[in-house]
Amino acid sequence: MCNGAVHLKIPEFGDHFTWNRATLCIHNVVVGKVWVDNYGEVSVKNHSTGEISHIRFHKATSREQCLITGKVLSIPLLWHHFLGYETHA
């Protein structure tokens, strides 16, 4: 299993991003309907601009699935975007 950072370079725009992975959990492998859940904190950094994003994948519950929240930190260290996304299956 690879637990290191993922790198993405976009030469056309001069961007270099790195991020870590959230935890992946596969439910009901033996019996029942198989479904996948991602949960945990993902930090994304643009090394070209210094911007940092923290994205949280919330663990699924019987009442709430696919809840994602996050924020983007710009330079000079101001939170300027907030992310919230939720779907109901």
C-alpha atoms as a PDB file:
ATOM      1  CA  MET A   1       0.000   0.000   0.000  1.00  0.00           C
ATOM      2  CA  CYS A   2       1.315   3.432  -0.917  1.00  0.00           C
ATOM      3  CA  ASN A   3       0.875   6.058   1.806  1.00  0.00           C
ATOM      4  CA  GLY A   4       3.062   8.840   0.424  1.00  0.00           C
ATOM      5  CA  ALA A   5       2.034  12.128  -1.124  1.00  0.00           C
ATOM      6  CA  VAL A   6       0.691  12.287  -4.658  1.00  0.00           C
ATOM      7  CA  HIS A   7       2.330  14.858  -6.964  1.00  0.00           C
ATOM      8  CA  LEU A   8       0.744  16.594  -9.946  1.00  0.00           C
ATOM      9  CA  LYS A   9       2.682  19.071 -12.081  1.00  0.00           C
ATOM     10  CA  ILE A  10       0.903  21.181 -14.710  1.00  0.00           C
ATOM     11  CA  PRO A  11       3.714  22.810 -16.736  1.00  0.00           C
ATOM     12  CA  GLU A  12       1.283  24.801 -18.889  1.00  0.00           C
ATOM     13  CA  PHE A  13       0.232  26.821 -15.828  1.00  0.00           C
ATOM     14  CA  GLY A  14       3.385  26.365 -13.736  1.00  0.00           C
ATOM     15  CA  ASP A  15       1.496  24.618 -10.940  1.00  0.00           C
ATOM     16  CA  HIS A  16       2.803  21.834  -8.708  1.00  0.00           C
ATOM     17  CA  PHE A  17       0.260  20.176  -6.384  1.00  0.00           C
ATOM     18  CA  THR A  18       0.751  17.538  -3.698  1.00  0.00           C
ATOM     19  CA  TRP A  19      -1.872  15.789  -1.580  1.00  0.00           C
ATOM     20  CA  ASN A  20      -2.297  12.828   0.707  1.00  0.00           C
ATOM     21  CA  ARG A  21      -4.987  10.180   0.375  1.00  0.00           C
ATOM     22  CA  ALA A  22      -8.112   9.658   2.456  1.00  0.00           C
ATOM     23  CA  THR A  23      -8.868   6.257   3.963  1.00  0.00           C
ATOM     24  CA  LEU A  24     -10.773   3.902   1.666  1.00  0.00           C
ATOM     25  CA  CYS A  25     -13.116   1.343   3.255  1.00  0.00           C
ATOM     26  CA  ILE A  26     -15.076  -1.302   1.334  1.00  0.00           C
ATOM     27  CA  HIS A  27     -18.208  -2.469   3.183  1.00  0.00           C
ATOM     28  CA  ASN A  28     -20.167  -5.739   2.867  1.00  0.00           C
ATOM     29  CA  VAL A  29     -17.518  -7.657   0.956  1.00  0.00           C
ATOM     30  CA  VAL A  30     -18.864 -11.050   2.047  1.00  0.00           C
ATOM     31  CA  VAL A  31     -22.623 -10.459   2.372  1.00  0.00           C
ATOM     32  CA  GLY A  32     -24.916  -7.632   1.261  1.00  0.00           C
ATOM     33  CA  LYS A  33     -24.622  -4.790  -1.195  1.00  0.00           C
ATOM     34  CA  VAL A  34     -20.980  -3.734  -1.557  1.00  0.00           C
ATOM     35  CA  TRP A  35     -20.293  -0.026  -1.092  1.00  0.00           C
ATOM     36  CA  VAL A  36     -17.191   2.134  -0.728  1.00  0.00           C
ATOM     37  CA  ASP A  37     -16.567   4.879   1.820  1.00  0.00           C
ATOM     38  CA  ASN A  38     -13.747   7.445   1.804  1.00  0.00           C
ATOM     39  CA  TYR A  39     -13.098   9.254   5.062  1.00  0.00           C
ATOM     40  CA  GLY A  40     -10.396  11.327   6.678  1.00  0.00           C
ATOM     41  CA  GLU A  41      -8.501  14.566   6.122  1.00  0.00           C
ATOM     42  CA  VAL A  42      -6.860  15.389   2.795  1.00  0.00           C
ATOM     43  CA  SER A  43      -4.418  18.303   2.551  1.00  0.00           C
ATOM     44  CA  VAL A  44      -3.702  19.739  -0.891  1.00  0.00           C
ATOM     45  CA  LYS A  45      -0.850  22.193  -1.423  1.00  0.00           C
ATOM     46  CA  ASN A  46      -0.012  24.259  -4.499  1.00  0.00           C
ATOM     47  CA  HIS A  47       3.752  24.671  -4.161  1.00  0.00           C
ATOM     48  CA  SER A  48       3.781  27.346  -6.877  1.00  0.00           C
ATOM     49  CA  THR A  49       1.414  29.757  -5.077  1.00  0.00           C
ATOM     50  CA  GLY A  50       1.627  28.533  -1.486  1.00  0.00           C
ATOM     51  CA  GLU A  51      -2.141  27.959  -1.274  1.00  0.00           C
ATOM     52  CA  ILE A  52      -3.232  25.114   0.988  1.00  0.00           C
ATOM     53  CA  SER A  53      -6.579  23.313   1.095  1.00  0.00           C
ATOM     54  CA  HIS A  54      -7.879  21.076   3.866  1.00  0.00           C
ATOM     55  CA  ILE A  55     -10.687  18.756   2.764  1.00  0.00           C
ATOM     56  CA  ARG A  56     -12.491  16.453   5.179  1.00  0.00           C
ATOM     57  CA  PHE A  57     -14.339  13.380   3.950  1.00  0.00           C
ATOM     58  CA  HIS A  58     -16.808  12.544   6.727  1.00  0.00           C
ATOM     59  CA  LYS A  59     -17.360   8.904   7.606  1.00  0.00           C
ATOM     60  CA  ALA A  60     -20.691   7.611   6.274  1.00  0.00           C
ATOM     61  CA  THR A  61     -23.512   6.894   8.695  1.00  0.00           C
ATOM     62  CA  SER A  62     -26.977   5.433   8.183  1.00  0.00           C
ATOM     63  CA  ARG A  63     -28.378   8.986   8.001  1.00  0.00           C
ATOM     64  CA  GLU A  64     -25.585  10.776   6.162  1.00  0.00           C
ATOM     65  CA  GLN A  65     -23.459   9.751   3.185  1.00  0.00           C
ATOM     66  CA  CYS A  66     -21.036  11.649   0.959  1.00  0.00           C
ATOM     67  CA  LEU A  67     -20.483  14.651   3.235  1.00  0.00           C
ATOM     68  CA  ILE A  68     -17.392  16.662   2.296  1.00  0.00           C
ATOM     69  CA  THR A  69     -16.258  19.921   3.916  1.00  0.00           C
ATOM     70  CA  GLY A  70     -13.126  21.967   3.515  1.00  0.00           C
ATOM     71  CA  LYS A  71     -11.418  25.313   3.229  1.00  0.00           C
ATOM     72  CA  VAL A  72      -8.686  26.988   1.174  1.00  0.00           C
ATOM     73  CA  LEU A  73      -5.924  29.010   2.811  1.00  0.00           C
ATOM     74  CA  SER A  74      -4.333  31.655   0.613  1.00  0.00           C
ATOM     75  CA  ILE A  75      -1.292  33.789   1.104  1.00  0.00           C
ATOM     76  CA  PRO A  76      -1.140  35.896   3.334  1.00  0.00           C
ATOM     77  CA  LEU A  77      -2.706  33.086   5.408  1.00  0.00           C
ATOM     78  CA  LEU A  78      -6.367  34.017   5.039  1.00  0.00           C
ATOM     79  CA  TRP A  79      -9.149  31.454   4.704  1.00  0.00           C
ATOM     80  CA  HIS A  80     -10.943  32.588   1.594  1.00  0.00           C
ATOM     81  CA  HIS A  81     -13.047  29.669   0.333  1.00  0.00           C
ATOM     82  CA  PHE A  82     -15.198  27.194   2.211  1.00  0.00           C
ATOM     83  CA  LEU A  83     -16.364  23.940   0.695  1.00  0.00           C
ATOM     84  CA  GLY A  84     -19.440  21.954   1.598  1.00  0.00           C
ATOM     85  CA  TYR A  85     -20.977  19.114  -0.396  1.00  0.00           C
ATOM     86  CA  GLU A  86     -23.555  16.523   0.527  1.00  0.00           C
ATOM     87  CA  THR A  87     -25.498  13.939  -1.464  1.00  0.00           C
ATOM     88  CA  HIS A  88     -28.170  11.500  -0.402  1.00  0.00           C
ATOM     89  CA  ALA A  89     -28.179   8.057  -1.980  1.00  0.00           C
END
